[in-house]
Amino acid sequence: MPTNVRLPNLGAEATEALVASWLKGVGDAVMQGEAIAEIETEKATVVLEAPVAGRLVEILVPAGEEAAVGAVVAVIADD
């Protein structure tokens, strides 16, 4: 079953953040808790971790684009 990867709440004032880079690409296997992207806010750069193990099957927000907190940025499917 596919799992949506959502942009987490990164602070009380942040309503959106920049997807700075993807550390994994479509088709790559990921482990739960593994860093898959770098996210930038005005105050910090943080790592977005895979919520589940599986395969990254879709990136919905490319590097260099912003997304709202809670938005689905990628999809991970079971292997």
PDB file of N, CA and C in Angstrom:
ATOM      1  N   MET A   1       0.845  -1.180   0.000  1.00  0.00           N
ATOM      2  CA  MET A   1       0.000   0.000   0.000  1.00  0.00           C
ATOM      3  C   MET A   1       0.891   1.244   0.000  1.00  0.00           C
ATOM      4  N   PRO A   2       0.615   2.203  -0.862  1.00  0.00           N
ATOM      5  CA  PRO A   2       1.425   3.420  -0.907  1.00  0.00           C
ATOM      6  C   PRO A   2       1.249   4.281   0.347  1.00  0.00           C
ATOM      7  N   THR A   3       2.335   4.946   0.729  1.00  0.00           N
ATOM      8  CA  THR A   3       2.321   5.862   1.864  1.00  0.00           C
ATOM      9  C   THR A   3       2.694   7.249   1.377  1.00  0.00           C
ATOM     10  N   ASN A   4       1.849   8.223   1.673  1.00  0.00           N
ATOM     11  CA  ASN A   4       2.148   9.603   1.326  1.00  0.00           C
ATOM     12  C   ASN A   4       3.176  10.163   2.297  1.00  0.00           C
ATOM     13  N   VAL A   5       4.186  10.840   1.751  1.00  0.00           N
ATOM     14  CA  VAL A   5       5.190  11.513   2.563  1.00  0.00           C
ATOM     15  C   VAL A   5       4.786  12.980   2.605  1.00  0.00           C
ATOM     16  N   ARG A   6       4.486  13.466   3.789  1.00  0.00           N
ATOM     17  CA  ARG A   6       4.005  14.845   3.945  1.00  0.00           C
ATOM     18  C   ARG A   6       5.092  15.747   4.518  1.00  0.00           C
ATOM     19  N   LEU A   7       5.042  17.009   4.130  1.00  0.00           N
ATOM     20  CA  LEU A   7       5.946  17.998   4.694  1.00  0.00           C
ATOM     21  C   LEU A   7       5.537  18.220   6.145  1.00  0.00           C
ATOM     22  N   PRO A   8       6.445  17.964   7.085  1.00  0.00           N
ATOM     23  CA  PRO A   8       6.069  18.090   8.497  1.00  0.00           C
ATOM     24  C   PRO A   8       5.972  19.549   8.941  1.00  0.00           C
ATOM     25  N   ASN A   9       5.326  19.750  10.068  1.00  0.00           N
ATOM     26  CA  ASN A   9       5.272  21.071  10.685  1.00  0.00           C
ATOM     27  C   ASN A   9       6.657  21.360  11.249  1.00  0.00           C
ATOM     28  N   LEU A  10       7.299  22.380  10.746  1.00  0.00           N
ATOM     29  CA  LEU A  10       8.679  22.671  11.115  1.00  0.00           C
ATOM     30  C   LEU A  10       8.807  23.825  12.104  1.00  0.00           C
ATOM     31  N   GLY A  11       7.708  24.292  12.620  1.00  0.00           N
ATOM     32  CA  GLY A  11       7.746  25.374  13.605  1.00  0.00           C
ATOM     33  C   GLY A  11       6.448  26.138  13.565  1.00  0.00           C
ATOM     34  N   ALA A  12       6.175  26.844  14.641  1.00  0.00           N
ATOM     35  CA  ALA A  12       4.899  27.540  14.792  1.00  0.00           C
ATOM     36  C   ALA A  12       4.667  28.583  13.697  1.00  0.00           C
ATOM     37  N   GLU A  13       5.735  29.211  13.221  1.00  0.00           N
ATOM     38  CA  GLU A  13       5.580  30.280  12.245  1.00  0.00           C
ATOM     39  C   GLU A  13       5.642  29.790  10.800  1.00  0.00           C
ATOM     40  N   ALA A  14       6.199  28.620  10.565  1.00  0.00           N
ATOM     41  CA  ALA A  14       6.381  28.125   9.196  1.00  0.00           C
ATOM     42  C   ALA A  14       5.075  27.572   8.644  1.00  0.00           C
ATOM     43  N   THR A  15       4.649  28.103   7.511  1.00  0.00           N
ATOM     44  CA  THR A  15       3.462  27.579   6.844  1.00  0.00           C
ATOM     45  C   THR A  15       3.835  26.855   5.555  1.00  0.00           C
ATOM     46  N   GLU A  16       5.086  27.075   5.083  1.00  0.00           N
ATOM     47  CA  GLU A  16       5.595  26.375   3.922  1.00  0.00           C
ATOM     48  C   GLU A  16       7.108  26.308   4.018  1.00  0.00           C
ATOM     49  N   ALA A  17       7.688  25.456   3.191  1.00  0.00           N
ATOM     50  CA  ALA A  17       9.143  25.283   3.194  1.00  0.00           C
ATOM     51  C   ALA A  17       9.606  24.903   1.794  1.00  0.00           C
ATOM     52  N   LEU A  18      10.886  25.107   1.553  1.00  0.00           N
ATOM     53  CA  LEU A  18      11.500  24.802   0.269  1.00  0.00           C
ATOM     54  C   LEU A  18      12.069  23.389   0.298  1.00  0.00           C
ATOM     55  N   VAL A  19      11.751  22.603  -0.724  1.00  0.00           N
ATOM     56  CA  VAL A  19      12.411  21.308  -0.886  1.00  0.00           C
ATOM     57  C   VAL A  19      13.753  21.630  -1.546  1.00  0.00           C
ATOM     58  N   ALA A  20      14.820  21.654  -0.747  1.00  0.00           N
ATOM     59  CA  ALA A  20      16.131  22.067  -1.247  1.00  0.00           C
ATOM     60  C   ALA A  20      16.733  21.015  -2.166  1.00  0.00           C
ATOM     61  N   SER A  21      16.645  19.750  -1.760  1.00  0.00           N
ATOM     62  CA  SER A  21      17.191  18.675  -2.588  1.00  0.00           C
ATOM     63  C   SER A  21      16.582  17.342  -2.190  1.00  0.00           C
ATOM     64  N   TRP A  22      16.541  16.445  -3.148  1.00  0.00           N
ATOM     65  CA  TRP A  22      16.135  15.066  -2.886  1.00  0.00           C
ATOM     66  C   TRP A  22      17.400  14.236  -2.756  1.00  0.00           C
ATOM     67  N   LEU A  23      17.512  13.495  -1.668  1.00  0.00           N
ATOM     68  CA  LEU A  23      18.664  12.637  -1.427  1.00  0.00           C
ATOM     69  C   LEU A  23      18.460  11.245  -2.021  1.00  0.00           C
ATOM     70  N   LYS A  24      17.219  10.936  -2.342  1.00  0.00           N
ATOM     71  CA  LYS A  24      16.841   9.678  -2.992  1.00  0.00           C
ATOM     72  C   LYS A  24      16.057  10.021  -4.249  1.00  0.00           C
ATOM     73  N   GLY A  25      16.131   9.143  -5.227  1.00  0.00           N
ATOM     74  CA  GLY A  25      15.406   9.353  -6.470  1.00  0.00           C
ATOM     75  C   GLY A  25      14.294   8.336  -6.643  1.00  0.00           C
ATOM     76  N   VAL A  26      13.430   8.587  -7.613  1.00  0.00           N
ATOM     77  CA  VAL A  26      12.341   7.667  -7.913  1.00  0.00           C
ATOM     78  C   VAL A  26      12.935   6.305  -8.256  1.00  0.00           C
ATOM     79  N   GLY A  27      12.394   5.283  -7.629  1.00  0.00           N
ATOM     80  CA  GLY A  27      12.860   3.916  -7.833  1.00  0.00           C
ATOM     81  C   GLY A  27      13.827   3.440  -6.765  1.00  0.00           C
ATOM     82  N   ASP A  28      14.364   4.366  -5.965  1.00  0.00           N
ATOM     83  CA  ASP A  28      15.312   3.991  -4.917  1.00  0.00           C
ATOM     84  C   ASP A  28      14.602   3.338  -3.729  1.00  0.00           C
ATOM     85  N   ALA A  29      15.236   2.320  -3.171  1.00  0.00           N
ATOM     86  CA  ALA A  29      14.749   1.699  -1.940  1.00  0.00           C
ATOM     87  C   ALA A  29      15.094   2.622  -0.770  1.00  0.00           C
ATOM     88  N   VAL A  30      14.175   2.718   0.190  1.00  0.00           N
ATOM     89  CA  VAL A  30      14.402   3.536   1.383  1.00  0.00           C
ATOM     90  C   VAL A  30      14.046   2.732   2.626  1.00  0.00           C
ATOM     91  N   MET A  31      14.738   3.031   3.694  1.00  0.00           N
ATOM     92  CA  MET A  31      14.456   2.420   4.993  1.00  0.00           C
ATOM     93  C   MET A  31      13.696   3.418   5.846  1.00  0.00           C
ATOM     94  N   GLN A  32      12.860   2.947   6.741  1.00  0.00           N
ATOM     95  CA  GLN A  32      12.153   3.840   7.642  1.00  0.00           C
ATOM     96  C   GLN A  32      13.167   4.658   8.436  1.00  0.00           C
ATOM     97  N   GLY A  33      12.969   5.965   8.494  1.00  0.00           N
ATOM     98  CA  GLY A  33      13.856   6.847   9.223  1.00  0.00           C
ATOM     99  C   GLY A  33      15.045   7.350   8.420  1.00  0.00           C
ATOM    100  N   GLU A  34      15.221   6.840   7.195  1.00  0.00           N
ATOM    101  CA  GLU A  34      16.333   7.269   6.347  1.00  0.00           C
ATOM    102  C   GLU A  34      16.052   8.652   5.759  1.00  0.00           C
ATOM    103  N   ALA A  35      17.085   9.471   5.661  1.00  0.00           N
ATOM    104  CA  ALA A  35      16.951  10.802   5.070  1.00  0.00           C
ATOM    105  C   ALA A  35      16.660  10.670   3.586  1.00  0.00           C
ATOM    106  N   ILE A  36      15.583  11.329   3.129  1.00  0.00           N
ATOM    107  CA  ILE A  36      15.239  11.267   1.710  1.00  0.00           C
ATOM    108  C   ILE A  36      15.274  12.639   1.039  1.00  0.00           C
ATOM    109  N   ALA A  37      15.223  13.718   1.834  1.00  0.00           N
ATOM    110  CA  ALA A  37      15.249  15.066   1.258  1.00  0.00           C
ATOM    111  C   ALA A  37      15.754  16.055   2.292  1.00  0.00           C
ATOM    112  N   GLU A  38      16.209  17.211   1.793  1.00  0.00           N
ATOM    113  CA  GLU A  38      16.574  18.327   2.659  1.00  0.00           C
ATOM    114  C   GLU A  38      15.532  19.414   2.461  1.00  0.00           C
ATOM    115  N   ILE A  39      15.031  19.926   3.577  1.00  0.00           N
ATOM    116  CA  ILE A  39      13.981  20.935   3.581  1.00  0.00           C
ATOM    117  C   ILE A  39      14.525  22.205   4.236  1.00  0.00           C
ATOM    118  N   GLU A  40      14.282  23.356   3.607  1.00  0.00           N
ATOM    119  CA  GLU A  40      14.762  24.625   4.147  1.00  0.00           C
ATOM    120  C   GLU A  40      13.595  25.524   4.531  1.00  0.00           C
ATOM    121  N   THR A  41      13.737  26.132   5.708  1.00  0.00           N
ATOM    122  CA  THR A  41      12.835  27.198   6.122  1.00  0.00           C
ATOM    123  C   THR A  41      13.692  28.452   6.270  1.00  0.00           C
ATOM    124  N   GLU A  42      13.080  29.541   6.674  1.00  0.00           N
ATOM    125  CA  GLU A  42      13.848  30.766   6.880  1.00  0.00           C
ATOM    126  C   GLU A  42      14.879  30.605   7.988  1.00  0.00           C
ATOM    127  N   LYS A  43      14.613  29.710   8.920  1.00  0.00           N
ATOM    128  CA  LYS A  43      15.472  29.587  10.092  1.00  0.00           C
ATOM    129  C   LYS A  43      16.398  28.379  10.099  1.00  0.00           C
ATOM    130  N   ALA A  44      16.096  27.345   9.321  1.00  0.00           N
ATOM    131  CA  ALA A  44      16.902  26.123   9.435  1.00  0.00           C
ATOM    132  C   ALA A  44      16.759  25.243   8.200  1.00  0.00           C
ATOM    133  N   THR A  45      17.727  24.346   8.058  1.00  0.00           N
ATOM    134  CA  THR A  45      17.656  23.277   7.065  1.00  0.00           C
ATOM    135  C   THR A  45      17.532  21.975   7.838  1.00  0.00           C
ATOM    136  N   VAL A  46      16.523  21.183   7.505  1.00  0.00           N
ATOM    137  CA  VAL A  46      16.289  19.924   8.206  1.00  0.00           C
ATOM    138  C   VAL A  46      16.187  18.786   7.190  1.00  0.00           C
ATOM    139  N   VAL A  47      16.335  17.588   7.687  1.00  0.00           N
ATOM    140  CA  VAL A  47      16.238  16.390   6.853  1.00  0.00           C
ATOM    141  C   VAL A  47      14.831  15.830   6.966  1.00  0.00           C
ATOM    142  N   LEU A  48      14.261  15.475   5.833  1.00  0.00           N
ATOM    143  CA  LEU A  48      12.968  14.794   5.795  1.00  0.00           C
ATOM    144  C   LEU A  48      13.250  13.305   5.766  1.00  0.00           C
ATOM    145  N   GLU A  49      12.681  12.577   6.728  1.00  0.00           N
ATOM    146  CA  GLU A  49      12.929  11.139   6.838  1.00  0.00           C
ATOM    147  C   GLU A  49      11.767  10.339   6.260  1.00  0.00           C
ATOM    148  N   ALA A  50      12.085   9.170   5.731  1.00  0.00           N
ATOM    149  CA  ALA A  50      11.061   8.267   5.216  1.00  0.00           C
ATOM    150  C   ALA A  50      10.219   7.753   6.379  1.00  0.00           C
ATOM    151  N   PRO A  51       8.894   7.872   6.291  1.00  0.00           N
ATOM    152  CA  PRO A  51       8.045   7.392   7.385  1.00  0.00           C
ATOM    153  C   PRO A  51       7.915   5.865   7.423  1.00  0.00           C
ATOM    154  N   VAL A  52       8.200   5.224   6.296  1.00  0.00           N
ATOM    155  CA  VAL A  52       8.107   3.766   6.178  1.00  0.00           C
ATOM    156  C   VAL A  52       9.224   3.262   5.263  1.00  0.00           C
ATOM    157  N   ALA A  53       9.473   1.966   5.315  1.00  0.00           N
ATOM    158  CA  ALA A  53      10.411   1.343   4.380  1.00  0.00           C
ATOM    159  C   ALA A  53       9.666   0.993   3.099  1.00  0.00           C
ATOM    160  N   GLY A  54      10.374   1.028   1.985  1.00  0.00           N
ATOM    161  CA  GLY A  54       9.772   0.673   0.709  1.00  0.00           C
ATOM    162  C   GLY A  54      10.582   1.237  -0.431  1.00  0.00           C
ATOM    163  N   ARG A  55       9.887   1.634  -1.478  1.00  0.00           N
ATOM    164  CA  ARG A  55      10.537   2.191  -2.662  1.00  0.00           C
ATOM    165  C   ARG A  55       9.892   3.544  -2.961  1.00  0.00           C
ATOM    166  N   LEU A  56      10.724   4.559  -3.195  1.00  0.00           N
ATOM    167  CA  LEU A  56      10.233   5.892  -3.549  1.00  0.00           C
ATOM    168  C   LEU A  56       9.693   5.811  -4.977  1.00  0.00           C
ATOM    169  N   VAL A  57       8.379   5.937  -5.122  1.00  0.00           N
ATOM    170  CA  VAL A  57       7.767   5.733  -6.436  1.00  0.00           C
ATOM    171  C   VAL A  57       7.343   7.029  -7.120  1.00  0.00           C
ATOM    172  N   GLU A  58       7.258   8.120  -6.347  1.00  0.00           N
ATOM    173  CA  GLU A  58       6.848   9.383  -6.958  1.00  0.00           C
ATOM    174  C   GLU A  58       7.336  10.551  -6.122  1.00  0.00           C
ATOM    175  N   ILE A  59       7.860  11.565  -6.800  1.00  0.00           N
ATOM    176  CA  ILE A  59       8.224  12.835  -6.168  1.00  0.00           C
ATOM    177  C   ILE A  59       7.253  13.869  -6.722  1.00  0.00           C
ATOM    178  N   LEU A  60       6.451  14.454  -5.841  1.00  0.00           N
ATOM    179  CA  LEU A  60       5.413  15.389  -6.266  1.00  0.00           C
ATOM    180  C   LEU A  60       5.867  16.840  -6.214  1.00  0.00           C
ATOM    181  N   VAL A  61       6.868  17.137  -5.401  1.00  0.00           N
ATOM    182  CA  VAL A  61       7.396  18.497  -5.301  1.00  0.00           C
ATOM    183  C   VAL A  61       8.883  18.432  -5.631  1.00  0.00           C
ATOM    184  N   PRO A  62       9.271  18.909  -6.803  1.00  0.00           N
ATOM    185  CA  PRO A  62      10.676  18.840  -7.202  1.00  0.00           C
ATOM    186  C   PRO A  62      11.569  19.730  -6.349  1.00  0.00           C
ATOM    187  N   ALA A  63      12.850  19.435  -6.342  1.00  0.00           N
ATOM    188  CA  ALA A  63      13.822  20.279  -5.653  1.00  0.00           C
ATOM    189  C   ALA A  63      13.729  21.686  -6.219  1.00  0.00           C
ATOM    190  N   GLY A  64      13.815  22.659  -5.313  1.00  0.00           N
ATOM    191  CA  GLY A  64      13.742  24.055  -5.716  1.00  0.00           C
ATOM    192  C   GLY A  64      12.353  24.647  -5.634  1.00  0.00           C
ATOM    193  N   GLU A  65      11.357  23.815  -5.310  1.00  0.00           N
ATOM    194  CA  GLU A  65       9.989  24.313  -5.185  1.00  0.00           C
ATOM    195  C   GLU A  65       9.542  24.285  -3.732  1.00  0.00           C
ATOM    196  N   GLU A  66       8.587  25.155  -3.409  1.00  0.00           N
ATOM    197  CA  GLU A  66       8.046  25.216  -2.054  1.00  0.00           C
ATOM    198  C   GLU A  66       6.783  24.386  -1.950  1.00  0.00           C
ATOM    199  N   ALA A  67       6.517  23.944  -0.730  1.00  0.00           N
ATOM    200  CA  ALA A  67       5.295  23.189  -0.437  1.00  0.00           C
ATOM    201  C   ALA A  67       4.741  23.660   0.895  1.00  0.00           C
ATOM    202  N   ALA A  68       3.441  23.564   1.051  1.00  0.00           N
ATOM    203  CA  ALA A  68       2.792  23.922   2.299  1.00  0.00           C
ATOM    204  C   ALA A  68       2.999  22.825   3.335  1.00  0.00           C
ATOM    205  N   VAL A  69       3.026  23.222   4.585  1.00  0.00           N
ATOM    206  CA  VAL A  69       3.096  22.243   5.673  1.00  0.00           C
ATOM    207  C   VAL A  69       1.909  21.293   5.536  1.00  0.00           C
ATOM    208  N   GLY A  70       2.173  20.006   5.606  1.00  0.00           N
ATOM    209  CA  GLY A  70       1.135  18.993   5.479  1.00  0.00           C
ATOM    210  C   GLY A  70       0.911  18.506   4.063  1.00  0.00           C
ATOM    211  N   ALA A  71       1.505  19.186   3.079  1.00  0.00           N
ATOM    212  CA  ALA A  71       1.334  18.779   1.677  1.00  0.00           C
ATOM    213  C   ALA A  71       2.076  17.471   1.403  1.00  0.00           C
ATOM    214  N   VAL A  72       1.526  16.660   0.521  1.00  0.00           N
ATOM    215  CA  VAL A  72       2.187  15.429   0.108  1.00  0.00           C
ATOM    216  C   VAL A  72       3.298  15.804  -0.869  1.00  0.00           C
ATOM    217  N   VAL A  73       4.530  15.426  -0.524  1.00  0.00           N
ATOM    218  CA  VAL A  73       5.682  15.769  -1.372  1.00  0.00           C
ATOM    219  C   VAL A  73       6.222  14.563  -2.125  1.00  0.00           C
ATOM    220  N   ALA A  74       5.888  13.359  -1.667  1.00  0.00           N
ATOM    221  CA  ALA A  74       6.369  12.142  -2.321  1.00  0.00           C
ATOM    222  C   ALA A  74       5.489  10.964  -1.906  1.00  0.00           C
ATOM    223  N   VAL A  75       5.710   9.833  -2.599  1.00  0.00           N
ATOM    224  CA  VAL A  75       4.956   8.611  -2.287  1.00  0.00           C
ATOM    225  C   VAL A  75       5.953   7.455  -2.202  1.00  0.00           C
ATOM    226  N   ILE A  76       5.808   6.649  -1.151  1.00  0.00           N
ATOM    227  CA  ILE A  76       6.623   5.440  -0.964  1.00  0.00           C
ATOM    228  C   ILE A  76       5.675   4.245  -1.014  1.00  0.00           C
ATOM    229  N   ALA A  77       6.049   3.234  -1.814  1.00  0.00           N
ATOM    230  CA  ALA A  77       5.258   2.018  -1.910  1.00  0.00           C
ATOM    231  C   ALA A  77       6.017   0.854  -1.301  1.00  0.00           C
ATOM    232  N   ASP A  78       5.256  -0.146  -0.849  1.00  0.00           N
ATOM    233  CA  ASP A  78       5.873  -1.374  -0.344  1.00  0.00           C
ATOM    234  C   ASP A  78       6.663  -2.026  -1.454  1.00  0.00           C
ATOM    235  N   ASP A  79       7.760  -2.682  -1.070  1.00  0.00           N
ATOM    236  CA  ASP A  79       8.546  -3.421  -2.081  1.00  0.00           C
ATOM    237  C   ASP A  79       7.801  -4.641  -2.553  1.00  0.00           C
TER     238      ASP A  79
END
